[in-house]
Amino acid sequence: MSTSYDHDYFTWTQEQAVLIRAGRFDLLDIEHLAEEVADMGKSEIREFSSRLAVIIGHILKLMVQSRRTPSNEQSWRATIIAQRKSLSRHLAKNPGLGNPAIRSDVLTDAWSDGRLLAIRETGIKPASFPEEPVFTLDQLLDDTFYP
């Protein structure tokens, strides 16, 4: 078993799993395995940020557009509820994401992405949406919070 990480990633992963299960640590591709493990953690941060961006986008739409199109408000709230529930489960399974530095970075990135989502989906001028977070992460995750 010596499939190249760069040539056939899938086969490489399967071979590495076999080697780990067999206790053949001397044959493992340690450099690439370490990279993959680190990337696995990054994917958890990406999911956190992605779900939070959807929450932010819909909260911003509620803030700015619900006066213009109140019929959409129920749908936006339903999306917020679903994303909060999924994100709550995700955070419970990954308590390390409670790290204040990670949470701060995620809020900053998610705010920007959520703002762009709201701008794109509403067609309202970007100046109508705050560029910096106006809500805390705790507010955004709170099931009872709506602007």
C-alpha atoms as a PDB file:
ATOM      1  CA  MET A   1       0.000   0.000   0.000  1.00  0.00           C
ATOM      2  CA  SER A   2       1.644   3.157  -1.158  1.00  0.00           C
ATOM      3  CA  THR A   3      -0.885   5.200  -3.063  1.00  0.00           C
ATOM      4  CA  SER A   4       0.118   8.808  -3.380  1.00  0.00           C
ATOM      5  CA  TYR A   5      -1.889  11.372  -1.441  1.00  0.00           C
ATOM      6  CA  ASP A   6      -1.694  13.693  -4.440  1.00  0.00           C
ATOM      7  CA  HIS A   7      -2.502  11.046  -7.056  1.00  0.00           C
ATOM      8  CA  ASP A   8      -5.522   9.216  -5.567  1.00  0.00           C
ATOM      9  CA  TYR A   9      -6.794  10.849  -2.385  1.00  0.00           C
ATOM     10  CA  PHE A  10      -9.656   8.412  -1.795  1.00  0.00           C
ATOM     11  CA  THR A  11      -7.480   5.308  -2.040  1.00  0.00           C
ATOM     12  CA  TRP A  12      -4.855   7.014   0.122  1.00  0.00           C
ATOM     13  CA  THR A  13      -7.453   7.593   2.881  1.00  0.00           C
ATOM     14  CA  GLN A  14      -8.556   3.977   2.802  1.00  0.00           C
ATOM     15  CA  GLU A  15      -4.985   2.700   2.958  1.00  0.00           C
ATOM     16  CA  GLN A  16      -4.166   4.995   5.864  1.00  0.00           C
ATOM     17  CA  ALA A  17      -7.221   3.694   7.740  1.00  0.00           C
ATOM     18  CA  VAL A  18      -6.123   0.092   7.191  1.00  0.00           C
ATOM     19  CA  LEU A  19      -2.623   0.922   8.462  1.00  0.00           C
ATOM     20  CA  ILE A  20      -3.982   2.636  11.574  1.00  0.00           C
ATOM     21  CA  ARG A  21      -6.311  -0.271  12.372  1.00  0.00           C
ATOM     22  CA  ALA A  22      -3.432  -2.701  11.892  1.00  0.00           C
ATOM     23  CA  GLY A  23      -1.167  -0.693  14.173  1.00  0.00           C
ATOM     24  CA  ARG A  24       1.330  -0.097  11.349  1.00  0.00           C
ATOM     25  CA  PHE A  25       2.139   3.434  12.438  1.00  0.00           C
ATOM     26  CA  ASP A  26       5.614   3.187  10.933  1.00  0.00           C
ATOM     27  CA  LEU A  27       4.056   3.102   7.451  1.00  0.00           C
ATOM     28  CA  LEU A  28       1.682   6.039   7.885  1.00  0.00           C
ATOM     29  CA  ASP A  29       1.957   9.208   5.836  1.00  0.00           C
ATOM     30  CA  ILE A  30       2.228  11.344   8.988  1.00  0.00           C
ATOM     31  CA  GLU A  31       2.686  14.707   7.262  1.00  0.00           C
ATOM     32  CA  HIS A  32      -0.480  14.393   5.190  1.00  0.00           C
ATOM     33  CA  LEU A  33      -2.445  12.771   8.018  1.00  0.00           C
ATOM     34  CA  ALA A  34      -1.639  15.710  10.295  1.00  0.00           C
ATOM     35  CA  GLU A  35      -2.773  18.097   7.559  1.00  0.00           C
ATOM     36  CA  GLU A  36      -6.040  16.184   7.130  1.00  0.00           C
ATOM     37  CA  VAL A  37      -6.759  16.137  10.864  1.00  0.00           C
ATOM     38  CA  ALA A  38      -6.212  19.902  11.059  1.00  0.00           C
ATOM     39  CA  ASP A  39      -8.513  20.377   8.063  1.00  0.00           C
ATOM     40  CA  MET A  40     -11.207  18.318   9.773  1.00  0.00           C
ATOM     41  CA  GLY A  41     -11.250  20.875  12.577  1.00  0.00           C
ATOM     42  CA  LYS A  42     -11.410  23.716  10.079  1.00  0.00           C
ATOM     43  CA  SER A  43     -14.474  22.149   8.492  1.00  0.00           C
ATOM     44  CA  GLU A  44     -16.271  22.363  11.841  1.00  0.00           C
ATOM     45  CA  ILE A  45     -15.474  26.083  11.963  1.00  0.00           C
ATOM     46  CA  ARG A  46     -16.723  26.482   8.380  1.00  0.00           C
ATOM     47  CA  GLU A  47     -20.013  24.823   9.285  1.00  0.00           C
ATOM     48  CA  PHE A  48     -20.375  27.090  12.332  1.00  0.00           C
ATOM     49  CA  SER A  49     -19.701  30.164  10.196  1.00  0.00           C
ATOM     50  CA  SER A  50     -21.954  29.056   7.350  1.00  0.00           C
ATOM     51  CA  ARG A  51     -24.967  28.368   9.559  1.00  0.00           C
ATOM     52  CA  LEU A  52     -24.413  31.593  11.481  1.00  0.00           C
ATOM     53  CA  ALA A  53     -24.231  33.556   8.205  1.00  0.00           C
ATOM     54  CA  VAL A  54     -27.682  32.254   7.243  1.00  0.00           C
ATOM     55  CA  ILE A  55     -29.052  33.291  10.640  1.00  0.00           C
ATOM     56  CA  ILE A  56     -27.490  36.749  10.277  1.00  0.00           C
ATOM     57  CA  GLY A  57     -28.740  37.165   6.723  1.00  0.00           C
ATOM     58  CA  HIS A  58     -32.294  36.376   7.721  1.00  0.00           C
ATOM     59  CA  ILE A  59     -32.155  38.531  10.851  1.00  0.00           C
ATOM     60  CA  LEU A  60     -30.893  41.432   8.743  1.00  0.00           C
ATOM     61  CA  LYS A  61     -33.731  40.863   6.287  1.00  0.00           C
ATOM     62  CA  LEU A  62     -36.182  40.924   9.192  1.00  0.00           C
ATOM     63  CA  MET A  63     -34.613  44.156  10.405  1.00  0.00           C
ATOM     64  CA  VAL A  64     -34.581  45.952   7.073  1.00  0.00           C
ATOM     65  CA  GLN A  65     -37.199  44.444   4.825  1.00  0.00           C
ATOM     66  CA  SER A  66     -40.029  43.029   6.934  1.00  0.00           C
ATOM     67  CA  ARG A  67     -41.727  46.430   6.854  1.00  0.00           C
ATOM     68  CA  ARG A  68     -41.749  46.253   3.053  1.00  0.00           C
ATOM     69  CA  THR A  69     -42.667  42.574   2.606  1.00  0.00           C
ATOM     70  CA  PRO A  70     -44.157  41.269   5.847  1.00  0.00           C
ATOM     71  CA  SER A  71     -45.376  38.125   4.062  1.00  0.00           C
ATOM     72  CA  ASN A  72     -41.780  36.813   3.991  1.00  0.00           C
ATOM     73  CA  GLU A  73     -41.290  37.239   7.729  1.00  0.00           C
ATOM     74  CA  GLN A  74     -42.692  33.817   8.646  1.00  0.00           C
ATOM     75  CA  SER A  75     -40.388  32.049   6.186  1.00  0.00           C
ATOM     76  CA  TRP A  76     -37.349  33.969   7.438  1.00  0.00           C
ATOM     77  CA  ARG A  77     -38.191  33.136  11.056  1.00  0.00           C
ATOM     78  CA  ALA A  78     -38.609  29.458  10.146  1.00  0.00           C
ATOM     79  CA  THR A  79     -35.152  29.464   8.552  1.00  0.00           C
ATOM     80  CA  ILE A  80     -33.646  31.173  11.608  1.00  0.00           C
ATOM     81  CA  ILE A  81     -35.253  28.603  13.923  1.00  0.00           C
ATOM     82  CA  ALA A  82     -33.992  25.662  11.830  1.00  0.00           C
ATOM     83  CA  GLN A  83     -30.458  27.057  11.577  1.00  0.00           C
ATOM     84  CA  ARG A  84     -30.317  27.852  15.298  1.00  0.00           C
ATOM     85  CA  LYS A  85     -31.401  24.300  16.123  1.00  0.00           C
ATOM     86  CA  SER A  86     -28.809  22.768  13.791  1.00  0.00           C
ATOM     87  CA  LEU A  87     -26.102  25.111  15.044  1.00  0.00           C
ATOM     88  CA  SER A  88     -26.963  24.347  18.660  1.00  0.00           C
ATOM     89  CA  ARG A  89     -26.479  20.627  17.987  1.00  0.00           C
ATOM     90  CA  HIS A  90     -23.233  21.328  16.130  1.00  0.00           C
ATOM     91  CA  LEU A  91     -21.838  23.416  18.991  1.00  0.00           C
ATOM     92  CA  ALA A  92     -22.874  20.792  21.555  1.00  0.00           C
ATOM     93  CA  LYS A  93     -20.915  18.148  19.619  1.00  0.00           C
ATOM     94  CA  ASN A  94     -17.910  20.474  19.273  1.00  0.00           C
ATOM     95  CA  PRO A  95     -17.420  22.295  22.596  1.00  0.00           C
ATOM     96  CA  GLY A  96     -13.982  23.485  21.462  1.00  0.00           C
ATOM     97  CA  LEU A  97     -15.823  25.930  19.198  1.00  0.00           C
ATOM     98  CA  GLY A  98     -16.681  27.817  22.384  1.00  0.00           C
ATOM     99  CA  ASN A  99     -13.159  29.233  22.368  1.00  0.00           C
ATOM    100  CA  PRO A 100     -13.587  33.047  22.512  1.00  0.00           C
ATOM    101  CA  ALA A 101     -11.030  33.682  19.746  1.00  0.00           C
ATOM    102  CA  ILE A 102     -12.755  31.216  17.407  1.00  0.00           C
ATOM    103  CA  ARG A 103     -16.178  32.657  18.216  1.00  0.00           C
ATOM    104  CA  SER A 104     -14.972  36.193  17.543  1.00  0.00           C
ATOM    105  CA  ASP A 105     -13.475  35.237  14.178  1.00  0.00           C
ATOM    106  CA  VAL A 106     -16.579  33.275  13.204  1.00  0.00           C
ATOM    107  CA  LEU A 107     -18.870  36.188  14.080  1.00  0.00           C
ATOM    108  CA  THR A 108     -16.785  38.590  11.990  1.00  0.00           C
ATOM    109  CA  ASP A 109     -16.713  36.281   8.962  1.00  0.00           C
ATOM    110  CA  ALA A 110     -20.338  35.210   9.282  1.00  0.00           C
ATOM    111  CA  TRP A 111     -21.520  38.812   9.636  1.00  0.00           C
ATOM    112  CA  SER A 112     -19.878  39.733   6.355  1.00  0.00           C
ATOM    113  CA  ASP A 113     -21.310  36.665   4.597  1.00  0.00           C
ATOM    114  CA  GLY A 114     -24.758  37.119   6.140  1.00  0.00           C
ATOM    115  CA  ARG A 115     -24.809  40.781   5.163  1.00  0.00           C
ATOM    116  CA  LEU A 116     -23.969  39.872   1.552  1.00  0.00           C
ATOM    117  CA  LEU A 117     -26.722  37.244   1.586  1.00  0.00           C
ATOM    118  CA  ALA A 118     -29.263  39.822   2.777  1.00  0.00           C
ATOM    119  CA  ILE A 119     -28.128  42.368   0.180  1.00  0.00           C
ATOM    120  CA  ARG A 120     -28.260  39.816  -2.635  1.00  0.00           C
ATOM    121  CA  GLU A 121     -31.656  38.416  -1.660  1.00  0.00           C
ATOM    122  CA  THR A 122     -33.372  41.746  -1.020  1.00  0.00           C
ATOM    123  CA  GLY A 123     -31.856  44.006  -3.651  1.00  0.00           C
ATOM    124  CA  ILE A 124     -31.722  46.736  -1.021  1.00  0.00           C
ATOM    125  CA  LYS A 125     -28.753  49.106  -1.067  1.00  0.00           C
ATOM    126  CA  PRO A 126     -25.738  47.836   0.925  1.00  0.00           C
ATOM    127  CA  ALA A 127     -25.729  51.035   3.017  1.00  0.00           C
ATOM    128  CA  SER A 128     -28.989  49.836   4.600  1.00  0.00           C
ATOM    129  CA  PHE A 129     -27.188  46.944   6.268  1.00  0.00           C
ATOM    130  CA  PRO A 130     -24.643  47.440   9.064  1.00  0.00           C
ATOM    131  CA  GLU A 131     -21.118  46.500   8.028  1.00  0.00           C
ATOM    132  CA  GLU A 132     -20.077  45.506  11.547  1.00  0.00           C
ATOM    133  CA  PRO A 133     -21.980  43.193  13.897  1.00  0.00           C
ATOM    134  CA  VAL A 134     -24.712  44.991  15.811  1.00  0.00           C
ATOM    135  CA  PHE A 135     -25.738  41.854  17.701  1.00  0.00           C
ATOM    136  CA  THR A 136     -23.667  39.590  19.907  1.00  0.00           C
ATOM    137  CA  LEU A 137     -23.145  35.948  19.128  1.00  0.00           C
ATOM    138  CA  ASP A 138     -25.223  35.081  22.192  1.00  0.00           C
ATOM    139  CA  GLN A 139     -28.115  37.139  20.829  1.00  0.00           C
ATOM    140  CA  LEU A 140     -27.862  35.538  17.404  1.00  0.00           C
ATOM    141  CA  LEU A 141     -27.945  32.061  18.938  1.00  0.00           C
ATOM    142  CA  ASP A 142     -30.757  32.864  21.411  1.00  0.00           C
ATOM    143  CA  ASP A 143     -34.000  31.162  20.349  1.00  0.00           C
ATOM    144  CA  THR A 144     -36.041  34.078  21.661  1.00  0.00           C
ATOM    145  CA  PHE A 145     -34.043  36.893  20.052  1.00  0.00           C
ATOM    146  CA  TYR A 146     -35.412  38.731  17.045  1.00  0.00           C
ATOM    147  CA  PRO A 147     -34.756  42.384  16.200  1.00  0.00           C
END
